[in-house]
Amino acid sequence: MQHVVRREGPDRLLIVAGCVIAAFGVVLLLDRIDAIELTFGSMAPMAFAVVGAVLLAAGLTRRE
């Protein structure tokens, strides 16, 4: 018999990851329509910030 653990409230990791990745997508779209100009020098830190935010949110979530 398996025990099912139910979480209370929304999953913080999924919310943070979704918001950060959506914001990164908006930045890429703005670059695509030439509203802003991105270079590799600005893209690399943003990509690392996205990964870091998701990892930080994963580390802050409680595991039961």
PDB file of N, CA and C in Angstrom:
ATOM      1  N   MET A   1       0.844  -1.183   0.000  1.00  0.00           N
ATOM      2  CA  MET A   1       0.000   0.000   0.000  1.00  0.00           C
ATOM      3  C   MET A   1       0.887   1.244   0.000  1.00  0.00           C
ATOM      4  N   GLN A   2       0.591   2.167  -0.874  1.00  0.00           N
ATOM      5  CA  GLN A   2       1.375   3.393  -0.975  1.00  0.00           C
ATOM      6  C   GLN A   2       0.710   4.506  -0.180  1.00  0.00           C
ATOM      7  N   HIS A   3       1.548   5.318   0.411  1.00  0.00           N
ATOM      8  CA  HIS A   3       1.043   6.482   1.138  1.00  0.00           C
ATOM      9  C   HIS A   3       1.141   7.691   0.230  1.00  0.00           C
ATOM     10  N   VAL A   4       0.061   8.424   0.131  1.00  0.00           N
ATOM     11  CA  VAL A   4       0.038   9.623  -0.699  1.00  0.00           C
ATOM     12  C   VAL A   4       0.178  10.832   0.204  1.00  0.00           C
ATOM     13  N   VAL A   5       1.190  11.654  -0.072  1.00  0.00           N
ATOM     14  CA  VAL A   5       1.407  12.877   0.701  1.00  0.00           C
ATOM     15  C   VAL A   5       0.810  14.025  -0.092  1.00  0.00           C
ATOM     16  N   ARG A   6      -0.116  14.721   0.513  1.00  0.00           N
ATOM     17  CA  ARG A   6      -0.747  15.868  -0.151  1.00  0.00           C
ATOM     18  C   ARG A   6      -0.117  17.150   0.357  1.00  0.00           C
ATOM     19  N   ARG A   7       0.186  18.003  -0.563  1.00  0.00           N
ATOM     20  CA  ARG A   7       0.765  19.296  -0.205  1.00  0.00           C
ATOM     21  C   ARG A   7      -0.344  20.309  -0.001  1.00  0.00           C
ATOM     22  N   GLU A   8      -0.075  21.205   0.911  1.00  0.00           N
ATOM     23  CA  GLU A   8      -1.017  22.295   1.124  1.00  0.00           C
ATOM     24  C   GLU A   8      -0.508  23.520   0.385  1.00  0.00           C
ATOM     25  N   GLY A   9      -1.350  24.135  -0.397  1.00  0.00           N
ATOM     26  CA  GLY A   9      -0.977  25.344  -1.115  1.00  0.00           C
ATOM     27  C   GLY A   9      -0.239  25.038  -2.401  1.00  0.00           C
ATOM     28  N   PRO A  10       0.086  26.094  -3.127  1.00  0.00           N
ATOM     29  CA  PRO A  10       0.763  25.925  -4.422  1.00  0.00           C
ATOM     30  C   PRO A  10       2.222  25.526  -4.247  1.00  0.00           C
ATOM     31  N   ASP A  11       2.774  24.915  -5.259  1.00  0.00           N
ATOM     32  CA  ASP A  11       4.169  24.507  -5.256  1.00  0.00           C
ATOM     33  C   ASP A  11       5.030  25.711  -5.644  1.00  0.00           C
ATOM     34  N   ARG A  12       5.836  26.209  -4.698  1.00  0.00           N
ATOM     35  CA  ARG A  12       6.657  27.397  -4.928  1.00  0.00           C
ATOM     36  C   ARG A  12       7.639  27.231  -6.072  1.00  0.00           C
ATOM     37  N   LEU A  13       8.224  26.066  -6.173  1.00  0.00           N
ATOM     38  CA  LEU A  13       9.215  25.827  -7.219  1.00  0.00           C
ATOM     39  C   LEU A  13       8.596  25.986  -8.600  1.00  0.00           C
ATOM     40  N   LEU A  14       7.433  25.419  -8.802  1.00  0.00           N
ATOM     41  CA  LEU A  14       6.791  25.517 -10.108  1.00  0.00           C
ATOM     42  C   LEU A  14       6.375  26.947 -10.432  1.00  0.00           C
ATOM     43  N   ILE A  15       5.918  27.681  -9.436  1.00  0.00           N
ATOM     44  CA  ILE A  15       5.513  29.068  -9.661  1.00  0.00           C
ATOM     45  C   ILE A  15       6.719  29.926 -10.026  1.00  0.00           C
ATOM     46  N   VAL A  16       7.808  29.797  -9.267  1.00  0.00           N
ATOM     47  CA  VAL A  16       9.011  30.587  -9.535  1.00  0.00           C
ATOM     48  C   VAL A  16       9.598  30.215 -10.890  1.00  0.00           C
ATOM     49  N   ALA A  17       9.699  28.917 -11.161  1.00  0.00           N
ATOM     50  CA  ALA A  17      10.271  28.479 -12.434  1.00  0.00           C
ATOM     51  C   ALA A  17       9.432  28.976 -13.602  1.00  0.00           C
ATOM     52  N   GLY A  18       8.120  28.888 -13.500  1.00  0.00           N
ATOM     53  CA  GLY A  18       7.254  29.356 -14.579  1.00  0.00           C
ATOM     54  C   GLY A  18       7.370  30.852 -14.809  1.00  0.00           C
ATOM     55  N   CYS A  19       7.383  31.621 -13.736  1.00  0.00           N
ATOM     56  CA  CYS A  19       7.484  33.082 -13.868  1.00  0.00           C
ATOM     57  C   CYS A  19       8.831  33.509 -14.442  1.00  0.00           C
ATOM     58  N   VAL A  20       9.909  32.891 -13.975  1.00  0.00           N
ATOM     59  CA  VAL A  20      11.239  33.264 -14.447  1.00  0.00           C
ATOM     60  C   VAL A  20      11.418  32.893 -15.918  1.00  0.00           C
ATOM     61  N   ILE A  21      10.972  31.713 -16.291  1.00  0.00           N
ATOM     62  CA  ILE A  21      11.107  31.294 -17.677  1.00  0.00           C
ATOM     63  C   ILE A  21      10.200  32.130 -18.585  1.00  0.00           C
ATOM     64  N   ALA A  22       9.011  32.503 -18.109  1.00  0.00           N
ATOM     65  CA  ALA A  22       8.128  33.363 -18.891  1.00  0.00           C
ATOM     66  C   ALA A  22       8.759  34.747 -19.084  1.00  0.00           C
ATOM     67  N   ALA A  23       9.375  35.289 -18.041  1.00  0.00           N
ATOM     68  CA  ALA A  23      10.033  36.590 -18.156  1.00  0.00           C
ATOM     69  C   ALA A  23      11.208  36.524 -19.139  1.00  0.00           C
ATOM     70  N   PHE A  24      11.955  35.442 -19.107  1.00  0.00           N
ATOM     71  CA  PHE A  24      13.052  35.259 -20.051  1.00  0.00           C
ATOM     72  C   PHE A  24      12.508  35.175 -21.479  1.00  0.00           C
ATOM     73  N   GLY A  25      11.378  34.520 -21.647  1.00  0.00           N
ATOM     74  CA  GLY A  25      10.740  34.447 -22.961  1.00  0.00           C
ATOM     75  C   GLY A  25      10.306  35.807 -23.468  1.00  0.00           C
ATOM     76  N   VAL A  26       9.797  36.648 -22.569  1.00  0.00           N
ATOM     77  CA  VAL A  26       9.397  38.004 -22.960  1.00  0.00           C
ATOM     78  C   VAL A  26      10.612  38.802 -23.427  1.00  0.00           C
ATOM     79  N   VAL A  27      11.728  38.651 -22.737  1.00  0.00           N
ATOM     80  CA  VAL A  27      12.953  39.345 -23.140  1.00  0.00           C
ATOM     81  C   VAL A  27      13.390  38.876 -24.523  1.00  0.00           C
ATOM     82  N   LEU A  28      13.306  37.574 -24.767  1.00  0.00           N
ATOM     83  CA  LEU A  28      13.675  37.054 -26.086  1.00  0.00           C
ATOM     84  C   LEU A  28      12.728  37.564 -27.178  1.00  0.00           C
ATOM     85  N   LEU A  29      11.447  37.669 -26.862  1.00  0.00           N
ATOM     86  CA  LEU A  29      10.497  38.209 -27.834  1.00  0.00           C
ATOM     87  C   LEU A  29      10.766  39.687 -28.128  1.00  0.00           C
ATOM     88  N   LEU A  30      11.098  40.451 -27.088  1.00  0.00           N
ATOM     89  CA  LEU A  30      11.436  41.858 -27.301  1.00  0.00           C
ATOM     90  C   LEU A  30      12.660  42.001 -28.201  1.00  0.00           C
ATOM     91  N   ASP A  31      13.611  41.089 -28.048  1.00  0.00           N
ATOM     92  CA  ASP A  31      14.773  41.106 -28.933  1.00  0.00           C
ATOM     93  C   ASP A  31      14.362  40.747 -30.352  1.00  0.00           C
ATOM     94  N   ARG A  32      13.471  39.812 -30.480  1.00  0.00           N
ATOM     95  CA  ARG A  32      13.040  39.362 -31.814  1.00  0.00           C
ATOM     96  C   ARG A  32      12.331  40.470 -32.598  1.00  0.00           C
ATOM     97  N   ILE A  33      11.546  41.309 -31.905  1.00  0.00           N
ATOM     98  CA  ILE A  33      10.831  42.394 -32.594  1.00  0.00           C
ATOM     99  C   ILE A  33      11.649  43.686 -32.625  1.00  0.00           C
ATOM    100  N   ASP A  34      12.912  43.592 -32.256  1.00  0.00           N
ATOM    101  CA  ASP A  34      13.856  44.713 -32.272  1.00  0.00           C
ATOM    102  C   ASP A  34      13.483  45.858 -31.330  1.00  0.00           C
ATOM    103  N   ALA A  35      12.790  45.529 -30.251  1.00  0.00           N
ATOM    104  CA  ALA A  35      12.517  46.539 -29.236  1.00  0.00           C
ATOM    105  C   ALA A  35      13.745  46.754 -28.357  1.00  0.00           C
ATOM    106  N   ILE A  36      14.520  45.703 -28.169  1.00  0.00           N
ATOM    107  CA  ILE A  36      15.790  45.790 -27.450  1.00  0.00           C
ATOM    108  C   ILE A  36      16.825  45.018 -28.257  1.00  0.00           C
ATOM    109  N   GLU A  37      18.083  45.262 -27.974  1.00  0.00           N
ATOM    110  CA  GLU A  37      19.150  44.551 -28.676  1.00  0.00           C
ATOM    111  C   GLU A  37      19.960  43.756 -27.658  1.00  0.00           C
ATOM    112  N   LEU A  38      19.914  42.448 -27.806  1.00  0.00           N
ATOM    113  CA  LEU A  38      20.652  41.579 -26.899  1.00  0.00           C
ATOM    114  C   LEU A  38      21.909  41.072 -27.580  1.00  0.00           C
ATOM    115  N   THR A  39      22.957  40.991 -26.804  1.00  0.00           N
ATOM    116  CA  THR A  39      24.204  40.404 -27.278  1.00  0.00           C
ATOM    117  C   THR A  39      24.511  39.197 -26.402  1.00  0.00           C
ATOM    118  N   PHE A  40      25.501  38.437 -26.801  1.00  0.00           N
ATOM    119  CA  PHE A  40      25.877  37.290 -25.978  1.00  0.00           C
ATOM    120  C   PHE A  40      26.319  37.739 -24.590  1.00  0.00           C
ATOM    121  N   GLY A  41      26.937  38.902 -24.527  1.00  0.00           N
ATOM    122  CA  GLY A  41      27.403  39.434 -23.247  1.00  0.00           C
ATOM    123  C   GLY A  41      26.277  39.730 -22.281  1.00  0.00           C
ATOM    124  N   SER A  42      25.091  39.987 -22.778  1.00  0.00           N
ATOM    125  CA  SER A  42      23.951  40.220 -21.886  1.00  0.00           C
ATOM    126  C   SER A  42      23.065  38.984 -21.753  1.00  0.00           C
ATOM    127  N   MET A  43      23.115  38.093 -22.756  1.00  0.00           N
ATOM    128  CA  MET A  43      22.286  36.891 -22.703  1.00  0.00           C
ATOM    129  C   MET A  43      22.828  35.861 -21.719  1.00  0.00           C
ATOM    130  N   ALA A  44      24.132  35.686 -21.683  1.00  0.00           N
ATOM    131  CA  ALA A  44      24.717  34.671 -20.808  1.00  0.00           C
ATOM    132  C   ALA A  44      24.388  34.928 -19.331  1.00  0.00           C
ATOM    133  N   PRO A  45      24.571  36.138 -18.812  1.00  0.00           N
ATOM    134  CA  PRO A  45      24.207  36.366 -17.413  1.00  0.00           C
ATOM    135  C   PRO A  45      22.711  36.164 -17.149  1.00  0.00           C
ATOM    136  N   MET A  46      21.863  36.537 -18.117  1.00  0.00           N
ATOM    137  CA  MET A  46      20.426  36.313 -17.926  1.00  0.00           C
ATOM    138  C   MET A  46      20.100  34.831 -17.874  1.00  0.00           C
ATOM    139  N   ALA A  47      20.725  34.044 -18.727  1.00  0.00           N
ATOM    140  CA  ALA A  47      20.485  32.602 -18.720  1.00  0.00           C
ATOM    141  C   ALA A  47      20.940  31.988 -17.397  1.00  0.00           C
ATOM    142  N   PHE A  48      22.091  32.427 -16.901  1.00  0.00           N
ATOM    143  CA  PHE A  48      22.562  31.924 -15.614  1.00  0.00           C
ATOM    144  C   PHE A  48      21.655  32.388 -14.469  1.00  0.00           C
ATOM    145  N   ALA A  49      21.102  33.587 -14.574  1.00  0.00           N
ATOM    146  CA  ALA A  49      20.176  34.070 -13.555  1.00  0.00           C
ATOM    147  C   ALA A  49      18.898  33.236 -13.540  1.00  0.00           C
ATOM    148  N   VAL A  50      18.422  32.835 -14.706  1.00  0.00           N
ATOM    149  CA  VAL A  50      17.224  31.981 -14.784  1.00  0.00           C
ATOM    150  C   VAL A  50      17.504  30.650 -14.092  1.00  0.00           C
ATOM    151  N   VAL A  51      18.616  30.037 -14.434  1.00  0.00           N
ATOM    152  CA  VAL A  51      18.964  28.750 -13.816  1.00  0.00           C
ATOM    153  C   VAL A  51      19.169  28.920 -12.312  1.00  0.00           C
ATOM    154  N   GLY A  52      19.829  29.982 -11.905  1.00  0.00           N
ATOM    155  CA  GLY A  52      20.061  30.229 -10.482  1.00  0.00           C
ATOM    156  C   GLY A  52      18.781  30.455  -9.707  1.00  0.00           C
ATOM    157  N   ALA A  53      17.829  31.183 -10.279  1.00  0.00           N
ATOM    158  CA  ALA A  53      16.563  31.428  -9.596  1.00  0.00           C
ATOM    159  C   ALA A  53      15.782  30.132  -9.405  1.00  0.00           C
ATOM    160  N   VAL A  54      15.793  29.286 -10.417  1.00  0.00           N
ATOM    161  CA  VAL A  54      15.089  28.004 -10.296  1.00  0.00           C
ATOM    162  C   VAL A  54      15.773  27.117  -9.256  1.00  0.00           C
ATOM    163  N   LEU A  55      17.090  27.072  -9.268  1.00  0.00           N
ATOM    164  CA  LEU A  55      17.804  26.269  -8.270  1.00  0.00           C
ATOM    165  C   LEU A  55      17.613  26.819  -6.860  1.00  0.00           C
ATOM    166  N   LEU A  56      17.584  28.137  -6.723  1.00  0.00           N
ATOM    167  CA  LEU A  56      17.346  28.750  -5.417  1.00  0.00           C
ATOM    168  C   LEU A  56      15.953  28.406  -4.909  1.00  0.00           C
ATOM    169  N   ALA A  57      14.972  28.488  -5.781  1.00  0.00           N
ATOM    170  CA  ALA A  57      13.610  28.131  -5.380  1.00  0.00           C
ATOM    171  C   ALA A  57      13.520  26.648  -5.016  1.00  0.00           C
ATOM    172  N   ALA A  58      14.254  25.813  -5.729  1.00  0.00           N
ATOM    173  CA  ALA A  58      14.253  24.381  -5.413  1.00  0.00           C
ATOM    174  C   ALA A  58      14.886  24.120  -4.051  1.00  0.00           C
ATOM    175  N   GLY A  59      15.914  24.882  -3.724  1.00  0.00           N
ATOM    176  CA  GLY A  59      16.571  24.702  -2.426  1.00  0.00           C
ATOM    177  C   GLY A  59      15.756  25.238  -1.275  1.00  0.00           C
ATOM    178  N   LEU A  60      14.892  26.200  -1.527  1.00  0.00           N
ATOM    179  CA  LEU A  60      14.086  26.800  -0.459  1.00  0.00           C
ATOM    180  C   LEU A  60      12.795  26.063  -0.182  1.00  0.00           C
ATOM    181  N   THR A  61      12.407  25.147  -1.085  1.00  0.00           N
ATOM    182  CA  THR A  61      11.163  24.404  -0.850  1.00  0.00           C
ATOM    183  C   THR A  61      11.415  23.330   0.188  1.00  0.00           C
ATOM    184  N   ARG A  62      10.430  23.154   1.038  1.00  0.00           N
ATOM    185  CA  ARG A  62      10.544  22.138   2.090  1.00  0.00           C
ATOM    186  C   ARG A  62      10.228  20.771   1.540  1.00  0.00           C
ATOM    187  N   ARG A  63      11.000  19.809   1.925  1.00  0.00           N
ATOM    188  CA  ARG A  63      10.739  18.424   1.517  1.00  0.00           C
ATOM    189  C   ARG A  63      10.256  17.664   2.730  1.00  0.00           C
ATOM    190  N   GLU A  64       9.195  16.936   2.526  1.00  0.00           N
ATOM    191  CA  GLU A  64       8.640  16.157   3.650  1.00  0.00           C
ATOM    192  C   GLU A  64       8.737  14.683   3.393  1.00  0.00           C
TER     193      GLU A  64
END
